[in-house]
Amino acid sequence: MKTQYITNDQGKKVAVIVPVKDYERILEELDELECIKAYDKAKARKQEFIPVANVFKSIEQKRKHA
């Protein structure tokens, strides 16, 4: 990846320029990392599973009473 730096008057790096292709790849990788972190967080939680048939029954009952 070819990068360019923007510096202030004192020569301190304050920004970076990266090629668009590399920037888009970085964004995709960050998005994937966020998904992995969310998955890991969800797996670590104590979860209670409800059979799908019970969920559909509950939905139908709520529709009838609405």
N, C-alpha and C. Protein backbone atom coordinates (compact mmCIF):
# COMPACT_ATOMS: atom_id res chain seq x y z
N MET A 1 0.85 -1.16 0.00
CA MET A 1 0.00 0.00 0.00
C MET A 1 0.90 1.24 0.00
N LYS A 2 0.67 2.10 -0.95
CA LYS A 2 1.45 3.33 -1.04
C LYS A 2 0.69 4.43 -0.31
N THR A 3 1.28 4.97 0.74
CA THR A 3 0.63 6.01 1.52
C THR A 3 1.38 7.33 1.39
N GLN A 4 0.64 8.41 1.57
CA GLN A 4 1.22 9.74 1.59
C GLN A 4 0.78 10.40 2.89
N TYR A 5 1.64 11.19 3.47
CA TYR A 5 1.33 11.84 4.73
C TYR A 5 1.18 13.34 4.55
N ILE A 6 0.27 13.91 5.30
CA ILE A 6 0.11 15.35 5.36
C ILE A 6 0.68 15.78 6.70
N THR A 7 1.53 16.77 6.67
CA THR A 7 2.18 17.23 7.90
C THR A 7 1.78 18.68 8.20
N ASN A 8 1.92 19.04 9.47
CA ASN A 8 1.67 20.43 9.85
C ASN A 8 2.95 21.24 9.66
N ASP A 9 2.93 22.49 10.08
CA ASP A 9 4.08 23.38 9.89
C ASP A 9 5.32 22.91 10.64
N GLN A 10 5.12 22.11 11.69
CA GLN A 10 6.26 21.60 12.46
C GLN A 10 6.76 20.26 11.93
N GLY A 11 6.15 19.76 10.87
CA GLY A 11 6.57 18.49 10.29
C GLY A 11 5.92 17.27 10.92
N LYS A 12 4.97 17.49 11.86
CA LYS A 12 4.28 16.38 12.50
C LYS A 12 3.20 15.83 11.57
N LYS A 13 3.15 14.50 11.42
CA LYS A 13 2.14 13.87 10.58
C LYS A 13 0.76 14.09 11.21
N VAL A 14 -0.18 14.62 10.41
CA VAL A 14 -1.52 14.90 10.92
C VAL A 14 -2.61 14.17 10.14
N ALA A 15 -2.26 13.61 9.00
CA ALA A 15 -3.24 12.89 8.19
C ALA A 15 -2.48 11.96 7.23
N VAL A 16 -3.23 11.04 6.64
CA VAL A 16 -2.63 10.10 5.70
C VAL A 16 -3.54 9.96 4.49
N ILE A 17 -2.94 9.80 3.35
CA ILE A 17 -3.68 9.57 2.11
C ILE A 17 -3.36 8.15 1.66
N VAL A 18 -4.41 7.37 1.44
CA VAL A 18 -4.23 6.00 0.95
C VAL A 18 -5.02 5.85 -0.35
N PRO A 19 -4.58 4.98 -1.22
CA PRO A 19 -5.34 4.72 -2.45
C PRO A 19 -6.76 4.24 -2.13
N VAL A 20 -7.71 4.64 -2.96
CA VAL A 20 -9.12 4.30 -2.74
C VAL A 20 -9.30 2.79 -2.62
N LYS A 21 -8.64 2.03 -3.46
CA LYS A 21 -8.77 0.57 -3.42
C LYS A 21 -8.37 0.03 -2.04
N ASP A 22 -7.28 0.53 -1.50
CA ASP A 22 -6.83 0.10 -0.17
C ASP A 22 -7.80 0.56 0.91
N TYR A 23 -8.29 1.79 0.79
CA TYR A 23 -9.26 2.32 1.75
C TYR A 23 -10.51 1.45 1.80
N GLU A 24 -11.03 1.10 0.62
CA GLU A 24 -12.24 0.26 0.57
C GLU A 24 -11.98 -1.12 1.17
N ARG A 25 -10.80 -1.68 0.94
CA ARG A 25 -10.44 -2.97 1.54
C ARG A 25 -10.39 -2.86 3.06
N ILE A 26 -9.81 -1.78 3.54
CA ILE A 26 -9.73 -1.57 4.99
C ILE A 26 -11.13 -1.47 5.59
N LEU A 27 -12.03 -0.75 4.93
CA LEU A 27 -13.40 -0.62 5.42
C LEU A 27 -14.10 -1.98 5.47
N GLU A 28 -13.91 -2.80 4.43
CA GLU A 28 -14.50 -4.13 4.41
C GLU A 28 -13.98 -4.99 5.55
N GLU A 29 -12.67 -4.91 5.78
CA GLU A 29 -12.08 -5.69 6.87
C GLU A 29 -12.55 -5.22 8.23
N LEU A 30 -12.73 -3.92 8.40
CA LEU A 30 -13.26 -3.39 9.65
C LEU A 30 -14.69 -3.85 9.88
N ASP A 31 -15.50 -3.86 8.81
CA ASP A 31 -16.88 -4.32 8.91
C ASP A 31 -16.92 -5.79 9.32
N GLU A 32 -16.06 -6.58 8.71
CA GLU A 32 -15.98 -8.00 9.05
C GLU A 32 -15.55 -8.19 10.51
N LEU A 33 -14.60 -7.40 10.95
CA LEU A 33 -14.14 -7.47 12.32
C LEU A 33 -15.27 -7.12 13.30
N GLU A 34 -16.07 -6.10 12.96
CA GLU A 34 -17.20 -5.73 13.81
C GLU A 34 -18.20 -6.89 13.90
N CYS A 35 -18.43 -7.57 12.79
CA CYS A 35 -19.35 -8.72 12.79
C CYS A 35 -18.81 -9.84 13.68
N ILE A 36 -17.52 -10.09 13.59
CA ILE A 36 -16.90 -11.14 14.41
C ILE A 36 -17.01 -10.79 15.88
N LYS A 37 -16.76 -9.53 16.22
CA LYS A 37 -16.87 -9.10 17.62
C LYS A 37 -18.30 -9.24 18.12
N ALA A 38 -19.28 -8.87 17.31
CA ALA A 38 -20.69 -8.99 17.70
C ALA A 38 -21.06 -10.46 17.89
N TYR A 39 -20.58 -11.32 17.01
CA TYR A 39 -20.83 -12.76 17.13
C TYR A 39 -20.24 -13.30 18.42
N ASP A 40 -18.99 -12.94 18.70
CA ASP A 40 -18.33 -13.40 19.93
C ASP A 40 -19.08 -12.92 21.17
N LYS A 41 -19.54 -11.68 21.14
CA LYS A 41 -20.28 -11.12 22.28
C LYS A 41 -21.60 -11.88 22.47
N ALA A 42 -22.28 -12.16 21.38
CA ALA A 42 -23.56 -12.89 21.46
C ALA A 42 -23.34 -14.31 21.97
N LYS A 43 -22.28 -14.96 21.53
CA LYS A 43 -21.99 -16.32 21.97
C LYS A 43 -21.67 -16.37 23.47
N ALA A 44 -21.06 -15.30 23.98
CA ALA A 44 -20.65 -15.27 25.39
C ALA A 44 -21.82 -15.06 26.34
N ARG A 45 -22.93 -14.52 25.83
CA ARG A 45 -24.09 -14.25 26.68
C ARG A 45 -24.84 -15.55 26.98
N LYS A 46 -25.46 -15.58 28.14
CA LYS A 46 -26.34 -16.70 28.48
C LYS A 46 -27.61 -16.51 27.66
N GLN A 47 -28.00 -17.54 26.95
CA GLN A 47 -29.14 -17.41 26.05
C GLN A 47 -30.19 -18.46 26.35
N GLU A 48 -31.41 -18.08 26.12
CA GLU A 48 -32.53 -19.01 26.26
C GLU A 48 -33.15 -19.16 24.88
N PHE A 49 -33.26 -20.39 24.43
CA PHE A 49 -33.81 -20.64 23.11
C PHE A 49 -35.27 -21.05 23.22
N ILE A 50 -36.07 -20.54 22.29
CA ILE A 50 -37.50 -20.84 22.25
C ILE A 50 -37.77 -21.58 20.95
N PRO A 51 -38.47 -22.72 21.04
CA PRO A 51 -38.80 -23.45 19.81
C PRO A 51 -39.58 -22.56 18.84
N VAL A 52 -39.27 -22.68 17.58
CA VAL A 52 -39.89 -21.83 16.56
C VAL A 52 -41.41 -21.99 16.55
N ALA A 53 -41.90 -23.16 16.81
CA ALA A 53 -43.35 -23.37 16.82
C ALA A 53 -44.00 -22.50 17.91
N ASN A 54 -43.35 -22.39 19.04
CA ASN A 54 -43.89 -21.54 20.12
C ASN A 54 -43.87 -20.07 19.73
N VAL A 55 -42.85 -19.66 19.02
CA VAL A 55 -42.76 -18.27 18.58
C VAL A 55 -43.91 -17.96 17.62
N PHE A 56 -44.14 -18.84 16.66
CA PHE A 56 -45.24 -18.61 15.71
C PHE A 56 -46.59 -18.60 16.41
N LYS A 57 -46.80 -19.47 17.38
CA LYS A 57 -48.05 -19.48 18.15
C LYS A 57 -48.25 -18.14 18.85
N SER A 58 -47.20 -17.65 19.46
CA SER A 58 -47.27 -16.38 20.17
C SER A 58 -47.60 -15.22 19.22
N ILE A 59 -47.00 -15.23 18.06
CA ILE A 59 -47.28 -14.18 17.07
C ILE A 59 -48.73 -14.24 16.63
N GLU A 60 -49.20 -15.43 16.35
CA GLU A 60 -50.60 -15.59 15.90
C GLU A 60 -51.57 -15.14 16.98
N GLN A 61 -51.29 -15.46 18.24
CA GLN A 61 -52.16 -15.05 19.34
C GLN A 61 -52.20 -13.53 19.46
N LYS A 62 -51.05 -12.90 19.31
CA LYS A 62 -50.99 -11.44 19.39
C LYS A 62 -51.75 -10.79 18.22
N ARG A 63 -51.71 -11.42 17.06
CA ARG A 63 -52.43 -10.88 15.89
C ARG A 63 -53.94 -10.96 16.11
N LYS A 64 -54.39 -12.05 16.72
CA LYS A 64 -55.82 -12.24 16.95
C LYS A 64 -56.35 -11.24 17.97
N HIS A 65 -55.52 -10.84 18.93
CA HIS A 65 -55.94 -9.95 19.98
C HIS A 65 -55.72 -8.48 19.63
N ALA A 66 -55.12 -8.22 18.49
CA ALA A 66 -54.82 -6.83 18.12
C ALA A 66 -55.95 -6.20 17.37
